[in-house]
Amino acid sequence: MSYTVFARKYRPQTFDDVVGQEHITRTLKNAILQNRLAHAYLFVGPRGTGKTSSARILAKALNCLSSSGPTLTPCDQCDSCREITAGNSLDVLEFDAASNTQVDKVREIIIDNVKYLPARGRFKVYLVDEVHMLSSGSFNALLKTLEEPPPHVKFLFATTDVQKLPATILSRCQRFDLKRIGAPVIAGHLMHIASLEGVSLTEEAALAVAVGADGGMRDAESMLDQLVAFCGGKIEEADVLSVFGFTSRQKVSDLCSALLAQDASVALALVHEQAEAGRDLTQLLGDLIGHFRNLLLVQADPSGLEAELGRAVVESLHTQCQGVDRERLLELIDLCAAAEQKMKWASNKQMYLEVAVLRAIQAVGQVTLGEVLGALTALREGRPIAERQKPVFTPVQAPAPRPKVAAAPPKPVQAAPEPPVQAVAAPVAKVQPEAAPAVPIPVSASAPVAPASAPERIPTPAPEPAPQPVAPAPEPV
């Protein structure tokens, strides 16, 4: 039997199973109870928030055979519910608009078949996923059928990009906007799945996965599935950070405190530590921007982020933002956002992050426009200039450098065996031929010996006389 991933194994099958979308499930339940079912529904939201799952649950509630009419709790046991779950129901047709964008496909699958009654259930349901991918011709062909469909037809649309839908389509549907799910809610659901699977999952690890999922339950379940394959039966926060390259919330908070304190050494040491640990530096800068955003929102309304982050995190943010000017936070967000755009295409991301950190520290030390105006107003009114309020923060120590790994002792070098010495013949000198010995000429004793003559001197030729001018011959008379 093939393995079923967590995202499919724990997919919601009833309205009560949908997590974090109570405003959607409550509206659909009341519509069923009051018999106020519309002919077209549009589910809008980010990926992994439950758009297609909510549409399938509504299709089950409309066609469940365990009751005499639409029900709030589909049984998941009748033939209709099981066929819808398996995706082979004759009355619930799932249409992938991303693969069938042509108008001919829309006419063939939807427009030409709406006149036929359902085979088993009460309604013939057309579930169109990624509806924004349809062509303009397909939308135009669908307008009349969508405005006045037969009473036995229901349209369920799902999209992640509602801006691409024509206004004529939007006006014919009831729109449901699914929101991103809060990190504490996702973390609680992951703890529930871990208990069902017999896996030990710490709260810190569950919260780290929930933050990394960015509000998508399907992403969080897929990440948990990967962690179980990596860690086995026990998952801790360090495992999450190691597998996915995330940075812990505490490290991001420490980096923010170092920037506000204008401590460049601590800030750069934190950046180097995360780079050596293999963290995604672009994600780190994005987390820092999100932290500045949280400080802004906590300054405006401390209780506004409790549902998203939890009470303990909000209290720590409220303490950290004391004494931090709002204009300063806005400037830091703009500065980091500009650096984030550059880092997306940079080969050396660490250099851009270090430059952004140093610029942020420089910006914190500068005087804001509000402080200048306040000082001018005080001088004009004759009041003393108020001292600059410093932010309240917990001092952050630079991370200790990693211990250097001791080098292994050198292995003893064994002397290579000497090659056998071969006798080399001495070079033989080239034998030069000996000169013939001089033969003595016998000389008579009575003959006089001529003295050695000097070498003959060659006479030098006399120079030729210069030519004399020739007198002209006398002319004849």
Protein backbone atom coordinates (compact mmCIF):
# COMPACT_ATOMS: atom_id res chain seq x y z
CA MET A 1 0.00 0.00 0.00
CA SER A 2 1.39 3.41 -0.98
CA TYR A 3 2.17 6.00 1.68
CA THR A 4 -0.29 8.88 2.17
CA VAL A 5 1.31 12.20 3.06
CA PHE A 6 0.04 14.21 6.01
CA ALA A 7 -1.47 16.92 3.79
CA ARG A 8 -3.83 14.36 2.25
CA LYS A 9 -4.24 12.09 5.25
CA TYR A 10 -5.45 14.90 7.52
CA ARG A 11 -7.36 16.89 4.91
CA PRO A 12 -10.63 18.29 6.35
CA GLN A 13 -13.67 16.14 5.57
CA THR A 14 -16.33 18.07 7.52
CA PHE A 15 -16.96 21.70 8.41
CA ASP A 16 -15.69 21.07 11.94
CA ASP A 17 -12.35 19.83 10.58
CA VAL A 18 -11.58 23.13 8.85
CA VAL A 19 -9.00 25.01 10.95
CA GLY A 20 -8.79 28.77 11.23
CA GLN A 21 -11.70 29.65 8.90
CA GLU A 22 -14.62 29.87 11.32
CA HIS A 23 -16.21 32.78 9.46
CA ILE A 24 -16.48 30.59 6.34
CA THR A 25 -17.81 27.45 7.98
CA ARG A 26 -20.33 29.38 10.07
CA THR A 27 -21.77 31.16 7.04
CA LEU A 28 -22.10 27.93 5.05
CA LYS A 29 -23.72 26.12 7.96
CA ASN A 30 -26.28 28.87 8.45
CA ALA A 31 -27.02 28.90 4.72
CA ILE A 32 -27.77 25.16 4.85
CA LEU A 33 -29.89 25.49 7.99
CA GLN A 34 -31.91 28.40 6.60
CA ASN A 35 -32.14 26.89 3.11
CA ARG A 36 -30.47 29.95 1.60
CA LEU A 37 -28.06 28.20 -0.75
CA ALA A 38 -26.77 30.31 -3.62
CA HIS A 39 -26.12 28.92 -7.08
CA ALA A 40 -22.45 30.08 -7.23
CA TYR A 41 -19.76 30.39 -4.56
CA LEU A 42 -16.28 31.85 -4.97
CA PHE A 43 -13.55 30.85 -2.48
CA VAL A 44 -10.60 33.27 -2.45
CA GLY A 45 -7.41 33.01 -0.45
CA PRO A 46 -3.70 32.16 -0.34
CA ARG A 47 -2.38 28.68 -0.98
CA GLY A 48 -3.00 25.98 1.57
CA THR A 49 -5.76 27.76 3.49
CA GLY A 50 -8.65 25.41 2.62
CA LYS A 51 -10.36 26.74 -0.52
CA THR A 52 -10.74 23.45 -2.39
CA SER A 53 -11.35 21.52 0.83
CA SER A 54 -14.20 23.85 1.81
CA ALA A 55 -15.72 23.49 -1.65
CA ARG A 56 -15.59 19.69 -1.46
CA ILE A 57 -17.14 19.67 2.00
CA LEU A 58 -19.97 21.86 0.72
CA ALA A 59 -20.48 19.46 -2.19
CA LYS A 60 -20.68 16.57 0.29
CA ALA A 61 -23.18 18.46 2.44
CA LEU A 62 -25.38 19.08 -0.61
CA ASN A 63 -25.38 15.48 -1.88
CA CYS A 64 -24.94 13.33 1.26
CA LEU A 65 -27.35 10.39 1.07
CA SER A 66 -27.56 9.86 4.83
CA SER A 67 -30.18 12.63 5.18
CA SER A 68 -33.24 13.71 3.26
CA GLY A 69 -31.70 17.08 2.38
CA PRO A 70 -28.51 19.10 2.64
CA THR A 71 -26.84 18.43 5.98
CA LEU A 72 -24.30 20.15 8.21
CA THR A 73 -22.43 16.93 8.94
CA PRO A 74 -21.70 14.74 5.90
CA CYS A 75 -21.43 11.11 6.95
CA ASP A 76 -18.37 10.20 4.83
CA GLN A 77 -19.83 6.68 4.67
CA CYS A 78 -22.44 6.80 1.92
CA ASP A 79 -21.58 6.18 -1.71
CA SER A 80 -21.91 9.84 -2.62
CA CYS A 81 -19.51 11.05 0.10
CA ARG A 82 -16.94 8.38 -0.67
CA GLU A 83 -17.06 9.12 -4.40
CA ILE A 84 -16.58 12.84 -3.77
CA THR A 85 -13.61 12.09 -1.49
CA ALA A 86 -12.09 9.80 -4.13
CA GLY A 87 -12.74 12.33 -6.90
CA ASN A 88 -14.79 10.03 -9.15
CA SER A 89 -18.32 11.24 -8.47
CA LEU A 90 -20.62 11.62 -11.47
CA ASP A 91 -22.48 14.49 -9.84
CA VAL A 92 -19.47 16.50 -8.64
CA LEU A 93 -17.22 17.39 -11.57
CA GLU A 94 -13.87 18.92 -10.67
CA PHE A 95 -12.58 21.12 -13.48
CA ASP A 96 -8.95 22.30 -13.49
CA ALA A 97 -9.00 25.67 -15.20
CA ALA A 98 -5.22 25.81 -15.35
CA SER A 99 -5.19 22.84 -17.74
CA ASN A 100 -8.41 23.63 -19.64
CA THR A 101 -8.36 27.31 -20.47
CA GLN A 102 -9.91 27.10 -23.94
CA VAL A 103 -13.51 28.06 -24.52
CA ASP A 104 -14.16 24.74 -26.29
CA LYS A 105 -13.35 22.83 -23.10
CA VAL A 106 -15.70 25.02 -21.06
CA ARG A 107 -18.53 24.43 -23.53
CA GLU A 108 -17.88 20.70 -23.68
CA ILE A 109 -17.58 20.04 -19.94
CA ILE A 110 -19.90 22.64 -18.40
CA ILE A 111 -22.23 24.50 -20.72
CA ASP A 112 -23.39 21.52 -22.79
CA ASN A 113 -23.98 19.32 -19.71
CA VAL A 114 -25.77 21.59 -17.25
CA LYS A 115 -29.15 20.59 -18.67
CA TYR A 116 -28.75 16.98 -17.53
CA LEU A 117 -30.03 15.96 -14.10
CA PRO A 118 -27.67 14.52 -11.48
CA ALA A 119 -27.15 10.76 -11.58
CA ARG A 120 -27.51 10.07 -7.85
CA GLY A 121 -27.38 13.18 -5.70
CA ARG A 122 -29.61 16.21 -5.36
CA PHE A 123 -27.39 18.67 -7.23
CA LYS A 124 -24.94 18.64 -10.08
CA VAL A 125 -21.91 20.49 -8.73
CA TYR A 126 -19.17 22.01 -10.91
CA LEU A 127 -16.01 22.68 -8.88
CA VAL A 128 -13.66 24.87 -10.94
CA ASP A 129 -10.21 25.18 -9.36
CA GLU A 130 -7.85 28.05 -10.28
CA VAL A 131 -10.71 29.74 -12.10
CA HIS A 132 -8.62 32.85 -12.80
CA MET A 133 -6.71 30.86 -15.45
CA LEU A 134 -9.70 30.72 -17.81
CA SER A 135 -9.47 32.77 -20.98
CA SER A 136 -11.63 35.81 -21.62
CA GLY A 137 -13.63 33.82 -24.17
CA SER A 138 -14.33 31.14 -21.57
CA PHE A 139 -15.57 33.74 -19.10
CA ASN A 140 -17.85 35.28 -21.71
CA ALA A 141 -19.26 31.89 -22.67
CA LEU A 142 -19.95 31.13 -19.01
CA LEU A 143 -21.77 34.36 -18.17
CA LYS A 144 -25.30 33.40 -19.20
CA THR A 145 -25.15 29.94 -17.66
CA LEU A 146 -23.69 31.34 -14.45
CA GLU A 147 -26.37 34.03 -14.18
CA GLU A 148 -29.38 31.74 -14.68
CA PRO A 149 -28.36 28.11 -14.15
CA PRO A 150 -30.86 25.26 -13.82
CA PRO A 151 -32.11 24.71 -10.24
CA HIS A 152 -30.18 21.46 -9.90
CA VAL A 153 -26.76 23.05 -10.72
CA LYS A 154 -24.28 24.61 -8.27
CA PHE A 155 -21.00 26.30 -9.19
CA LEU A 156 -18.06 26.32 -6.76
CA PHE A 157 -15.04 28.40 -7.82
CA ALA A 158 -11.62 28.59 -6.13
CA THR A 159 -8.82 31.04 -6.91
CA THR A 160 -5.64 32.50 -5.47
CA ASP A 161 -5.68 35.60 -7.71
CA VAL A 162 -9.11 37.18 -7.61
CA GLN A 163 -7.88 40.35 -9.38
CA LYS A 164 -7.81 38.45 -12.67
CA LEU A 165 -11.53 37.64 -12.56
CA PRO A 166 -13.89 39.90 -14.54
CA ALA A 167 -16.33 41.98 -12.58
CA THR A 168 -19.18 40.26 -14.42
CA ILE A 169 -18.14 36.94 -12.87
CA LEU A 170 -17.65 38.38 -9.39
CA SER A 171 -21.10 39.95 -9.39
CA ARG A 172 -22.73 36.56 -10.02
CA CYS A 173 -21.05 34.75 -7.09
CA GLN A 174 -21.07 34.84 -3.31
CA ARG A 175 -17.48 35.55 -2.34
CA PHE A 176 -15.73 33.96 0.65
CA ASP A 177 -12.26 35.27 1.54
CA LEU A 178 -10.13 32.75 3.41
CA LYS A 179 -7.45 34.33 5.57
CA ARG A 180 -3.99 33.20 6.47
CA ILE A 181 -4.05 30.99 9.54
CA GLY A 182 -2.30 32.29 12.65
CA ALA A 183 0.91 30.65 13.80
CA PRO A 184 -0.46 29.58 17.22
CA VAL A 185 -3.44 27.88 15.53
CA ILE A 186 -1.20 26.03 13.08
CA ALA A 187 1.15 25.01 15.89
CA GLY A 188 -1.73 23.57 17.90
CA HIS A 189 -2.96 21.57 14.92
CA LEU A 190 0.55 20.23 14.30
CA MET A 191 0.77 19.12 17.93
CA HIS A 192 -2.52 17.26 17.44
CA ILE A 193 -1.23 15.50 14.31
CA ALA A 194 2.03 14.60 16.08
CA SER A 195 0.12 13.02 18.96
CA LEU A 196 -1.94 10.95 16.51
CA GLU A 197 1.24 9.81 14.76
CA GLY A 198 3.08 9.02 18.00
CA VAL A 199 5.73 11.68 17.40
CA SER A 200 7.22 13.87 20.13
CA LEU A 201 7.00 17.48 18.90
CA THR A 202 8.04 20.33 21.16
CA GLU A 203 6.03 23.55 21.27
CA GLU A 204 9.02 25.58 20.08
CA ALA A 205 9.46 23.30 17.07
CA ALA A 206 5.75 23.45 16.23
CA LEU A 207 5.79 27.25 16.42
CA ALA A 208 8.90 27.43 14.22
CA VAL A 209 7.18 25.29 11.57
CA ALA A 210 4.02 27.40 11.83
CA VAL A 211 5.94 30.63 11.32
CA GLY A 212 7.79 29.17 8.34
CA ALA A 213 4.52 27.99 6.76
CA ASP A 214 3.41 31.63 6.38
CA GLY A 215 -0.23 30.98 7.20
CA GLY A 216 -0.69 27.87 5.03
CA MET A 217 -1.84 24.71 6.79
CA ARG A 218 -0.90 22.46 3.89
CA ASP A 219 2.65 23.81 3.88
CA ALA A 220 2.93 23.21 7.62
CA GLU A 221 1.70 19.62 7.32
CA SER A 222 4.14 18.93 4.49
CA MET A 223 7.00 20.35 6.55
CA LEU A 224 6.01 18.19 9.53
CA ASP A 225 5.96 15.15 7.27
CA GLN A 226 9.50 15.94 6.14
CA LEU A 227 10.68 16.45 9.72
CA VAL A 228 9.32 13.06 10.77
CA ALA A 229 11.29 11.47 7.95
CA PHE A 230 14.42 13.33 9.08
CA CYS A 231 14.19 13.13 12.88
CA GLY A 232 12.09 10.08 13.53
CA GLY A 233 10.05 10.10 16.74
CA LYS A 234 11.41 13.29 18.36
CA ILE A 235 11.43 16.75 16.79
CA GLU A 236 12.98 19.82 18.42
CA GLU A 237 13.37 23.43 17.33
CA ALA A 238 17.01 22.94 16.35
CA ASP A 239 15.93 20.25 13.90
CA VAL A 240 13.44 22.61 12.25
CA LEU A 241 16.03 25.36 11.91
CA SER A 242 18.59 22.93 10.52
CA VAL A 243 16.33 21.26 7.93
CA PHE A 244 14.64 24.36 6.52
CA GLY A 245 17.30 27.02 7.13
CA PHE A 246 15.07 29.16 9.34
CA THR A 247 16.31 31.61 11.95
CA SER A 248 14.86 31.43 15.42
CA ARG A 249 12.63 34.24 16.62
CA GLN A 250 15.04 34.95 19.47
CA LYS A 251 17.96 35.47 17.08
CA VAL A 252 15.91 37.91 15.02
CA SER A 253 14.96 39.79 18.19
CA ASP A 254 18.61 39.90 19.27
CA LEU A 255 19.62 41.31 15.89
CA CYS A 256 16.93 43.98 16.16
CA SER A 257 18.11 44.93 19.65
CA ALA A 258 21.70 45.21 18.43
CA LEU A 259 20.61 47.53 15.60
CA LEU A 260 18.60 49.77 17.92
CA ALA A 261 21.54 49.87 20.35
CA GLN A 262 23.92 50.76 17.46
CA ASP A 263 26.16 47.85 18.38
CA ALA A 264 27.80 46.96 15.09
CA SER A 265 30.07 44.25 16.50
CA VAL A 266 27.20 42.24 17.97
CA ALA A 267 25.02 42.70 14.89
CA LEU A 268 27.73 41.59 12.49
CA ALA A 269 28.63 38.67 14.74
CA LEU A 270 25.01 37.50 14.63
CA VAL A 271 24.99 37.75 10.84
CA HIS A 272 28.22 35.76 10.58
CA GLU A 273 26.87 33.13 12.95
CA GLN A 274 23.74 32.62 10.86
CA ALA A 275 25.77 32.51 7.65
CA GLU A 276 28.11 29.87 9.03
CA ALA A 277 25.14 27.83 10.22
CA GLY A 278 23.80 27.71 6.66
CA ARG A 279 20.74 29.88 7.25
CA ASP A 280 18.94 31.60 4.38
CA LEU A 281 20.14 35.20 4.68
CA THR A 282 17.37 36.53 2.45
CA GLN A 283 14.84 34.89 4.75
CA LEU A 284 16.69 36.36 7.74
CA LEU A 285 16.33 39.87 6.33
CA GLY A 286 12.66 39.21 5.61
CA ASP A 287 12.17 38.04 9.20
CA LEU A 288 13.87 41.22 10.42
CA ILE A 289 11.46 43.33 8.34
CA GLY A 290 8.56 41.36 9.80
CA HIS A 291 9.92 42.00 13.29
CA PHE A 292 10.04 45.75 12.66
CA ARG A 293 6.47 45.52 11.36
CA ASN A 294 5.39 43.75 14.54
CA LEU A 295 6.98 46.51 16.63
CA LEU A 296 4.99 49.10 14.69
CA LEU A 297 1.72 47.27 15.18
CA VAL A 298 2.38 46.65 18.87
CA GLN A 299 3.01 50.38 19.32
CA ALA A 300 -0.37 51.12 17.75
CA ASP A 301 -2.40 48.32 19.37
CA PRO A 302 -0.67 45.84 21.71
CA SER A 303 -3.61 43.43 21.69
CA GLY A 304 -3.99 43.33 17.91
CA LEU A 305 -1.32 40.66 17.36
CA GLU A 306 -2.17 38.28 20.20
CA ALA A 307 -4.21 36.00 17.95
CA GLU A 308 -1.38 35.84 15.42
CA LEU A 309 1.69 35.64 17.65
CA GLY A 310 0.53 34.78 21.15
CA ARG A 311 0.50 36.79 24.37
CA ALA A 312 4.09 36.03 25.41
CA VAL A 313 5.55 37.20 22.10
CA VAL A 314 3.44 40.37 22.13
CA GLU A 315 4.63 41.23 25.63
CA SER A 316 8.27 40.89 24.61
CA LEU A 317 7.64 43.07 21.55
CA HIS A 318 5.92 45.68 23.70
CA THR A 319 8.97 45.82 25.97
CA GLN A 320 11.38 46.08 23.05
CA CYS A 321 9.57 48.93 21.29
CA GLN A 322 9.72 51.24 24.32
CA GLY A 323 11.56 54.40 23.38
CA VAL A 324 11.71 53.57 19.66
CA ASP A 325 10.34 56.31 17.44
CA ARG A 326 7.75 55.23 14.87
CA GLU A 327 9.43 57.25 12.15
CA ARG A 328 12.66 55.39 12.92
CA LEU A 329 10.98 52.01 12.45
CA LEU A 330 9.46 53.10 9.15
CA GLU A 331 12.88 54.22 7.93
CA LEU A 332 14.43 50.89 8.94
CA ILE A 333 11.71 48.96 7.12
CA ASP A 334 12.29 50.95 3.92
CA LEU A 335 16.05 50.47 4.17
CA CYS A 336 15.81 46.70 4.73
CA ALA A 337 13.19 46.29 2.01
CA ALA A 338 15.50 47.95 -0.53
CA ALA A 339 18.34 45.65 0.53
CA GLU A 340 16.05 42.63 0.23
CA GLN A 341 15.35 43.44 -3.41
CA LYS A 342 19.07 43.62 -4.13
CA MET A 343 19.78 40.35 -2.33
CA LYS A 344 17.41 38.39 -4.56
CA TRP A 345 19.80 38.69 -7.51
CA ALA A 346 23.11 38.94 -5.65
CA SER A 347 25.66 36.16 -5.62
CA ASN A 348 27.21 37.31 -2.32
CA LYS A 349 24.16 37.76 -0.11
CA GLN A 350 26.15 38.06 3.09
CA MET A 351 27.89 41.22 1.85
CA TYR A 352 24.56 42.92 1.07
CA LEU A 353 23.18 41.94 4.47
CA GLU A 354 26.23 43.30 6.27
CA VAL A 355 25.96 46.58 4.36
CA ALA A 356 22.27 46.80 5.23
CA VAL A 357 23.06 46.21 8.92
CA LEU A 358 25.67 48.97 8.96
CA ARG A 359 23.35 51.39 7.17
CA ALA A 360 20.58 50.59 9.63
CA ILE A 361 22.89 51.32 12.55
CA GLN A 362 23.88 54.60 10.91
CA ALA A 363 20.22 55.50 10.37
CA VAL A 364 19.39 54.82 14.01
CA GLY A 365 22.06 57.28 15.11
CA GLN A 366 20.81 60.09 12.90
CA VAL A 367 18.40 62.75 14.10
CA THR A 368 14.89 62.42 12.71
CA LEU A 369 12.84 65.23 11.25
CA GLY A 370 10.45 65.04 14.18
CA GLU A 371 13.28 65.58 16.65
CA VAL A 372 14.52 68.60 14.71
CA LEU A 373 11.05 70.15 14.64
CA GLY A 374 10.60 69.45 18.34
CA ALA A 375 13.90 71.15 19.14
CA LEU A 376 12.99 74.20 17.05
CA THR A 377 9.62 74.45 18.74
CA ALA A 378 11.25 74.25 22.16
CA LEU A 379 13.73 77.00 21.26
CA ARG A 380 10.94 79.21 19.95
CA GLU A 381 8.91 78.76 23.12
CA GLY A 382 11.92 79.15 25.39
CA ARG A 383 11.72 75.64 26.78
CA PRO A 384 14.71 73.37 27.31
CA ILE A 385 15.28 70.85 24.57
CA ALA A 386 14.24 67.41 25.67
CA GLU A 387 16.93 64.78 25.67
CA ARG A 388 16.72 62.08 23.10
CA GLN A 389 14.90 59.06 24.48
CA LYS A 390 16.86 55.87 24.18
CA PRO A 391 15.19 52.55 23.44
CA VAL A 392 14.84 49.99 26.20
CA PHE A 393 16.38 46.69 25.36
CA THR A 394 18.17 43.76 26.90
CA PRO A 395 21.89 43.87 26.15
CA VAL A 396 22.85 41.23 23.65
CA GLN A 397 26.18 39.48 23.81
CA ALA A 398 28.00 38.56 20.67
CA PRO A 399 27.79 34.86 19.94
CA ALA A 400 30.84 32.92 20.97
CA PRO A 401 33.01 31.90 18.05
CA ARG A 402 32.89 28.30 17.09
CA PRO A 403 35.74 26.25 18.51
CA LYS A 404 38.31 25.43 15.94
CA VAL A 405 38.58 21.81 15.08
CA ALA A 406 41.95 20.44 16.17
CA ALA A 407 43.96 19.19 13.28
CA ALA A 408 44.71 15.51 13.25
CA PRO A 409 48.28 14.62 14.28
CA PRO A 410 50.49 14.09 11.26
CA LYS A 411 51.10 10.51 10.36
CA PRO A 412 54.73 9.34 10.65
CA VAL A 413 56.38 9.47 7.30
CA GLN A 414 58.15 6.26 6.44
CA ALA A 415 61.35 6.58 4.47
CA ALA A 416 61.01 5.22 1.03
CA PRO A 417 63.32 2.27 0.30
CA GLU A 418 66.46 3.35 -1.48
CA PRO A 419 66.81 2.05 -5.00
CA PRO A 420 69.65 -0.43 -5.56
CA VAL A 421 72.89 1.26 -6.46
CA GLN A 422 74.14 0.26 -9.86
CA ALA A 423 77.81 0.53 -10.77
CA VAL A 424 78.32 3.32 -13.22
CA ALA A 425 81.29 3.06 -15.56
CA ALA A 426 83.72 5.94 -15.39
CA PRO A 427 83.67 8.13 -18.46
CA VAL A 428 86.40 7.25 -20.94
CA ALA A 429 88.45 10.19 -22.10
CA LYS A 430 88.72 10.63 -25.81
CA VAL A 431 92.15 9.51 -27.00
CA GLN A 432 93.90 12.18 -29.00
CA PRO A 433 96.40 11.02 -31.64
CA GLU A 434 100.01 11.64 -30.54
CA ALA A 435 102.20 13.89 -32.64
CA ALA A 436 104.97 12.19 -34.56
CA PRO A 437 108.39 12.61 -32.88
CA ALA A 438 110.80 15.03 -34.52
CA VAL A 439 113.56 13.28 -36.42
CA PRO A 440 117.01 14.87 -35.75
CA ILE A 441 119.00 15.79 -38.90
CA PRO A 442 122.62 14.88 -38.55
CA VAL A 443 124.98 17.82 -38.97
CA SER A 444 128.64 17.55 -39.87
CA ALA A 445 131.08 18.82 -37.31
CA SER A 446 133.14 20.67 -39.89
CA ALA A 447 130.22 22.47 -41.44
CA PRO A 448 129.61 25.91 -40.10
CA VAL A 449 126.37 26.45 -38.41
CA ALA A 450 124.38 29.29 -39.91
CA PRO A 451 122.96 31.67 -37.44
CA ALA A 452 119.26 31.74 -37.06
CA SER A 453 117.95 34.14 -39.60
CA ALA A 454 115.42 36.77 -38.70
CA PRO A 455 112.05 36.52 -40.31
CA GLU A 456 111.98 37.94 -43.81
CA ARG A 457 110.59 41.45 -43.99
CA ILE A 458 108.15 42.17 -46.74
CA PRO A 459 108.93 45.54 -48.41
CA THR A 460 106.14 48.02 -48.42
CA PRO A 461 105.30 49.21 -51.93
CA ALA A 462 105.97 52.88 -52.69
CA PRO A 463 102.93 55.02 -53.25
CA GLU A 464 102.11 55.86 -56.79
CA PRO A 465 102.88 59.46 -57.86
CA ALA A 466 99.94 61.74 -58.17
CA PRO A 467 98.88 62.42 -61.73
CA GLN A 468 100.23 65.68 -63.21
CA PRO A 469 97.89 68.01 -65.04
CA VAL A 470 98.27 67.75 -68.79
CA ALA A 471 98.85 71.05 -70.58
CA PRO A 472 96.50 71.65 -73.48
CA ALA A 473 98.02 71.30 -76.93
CA PRO A 474 98.63 74.57 -78.80
CA GLU A 475 96.01 75.40 -81.35
CA PRO A 476 97.23 75.36 -84.93
CA VAL A 477 97.83 78.69 -86.59
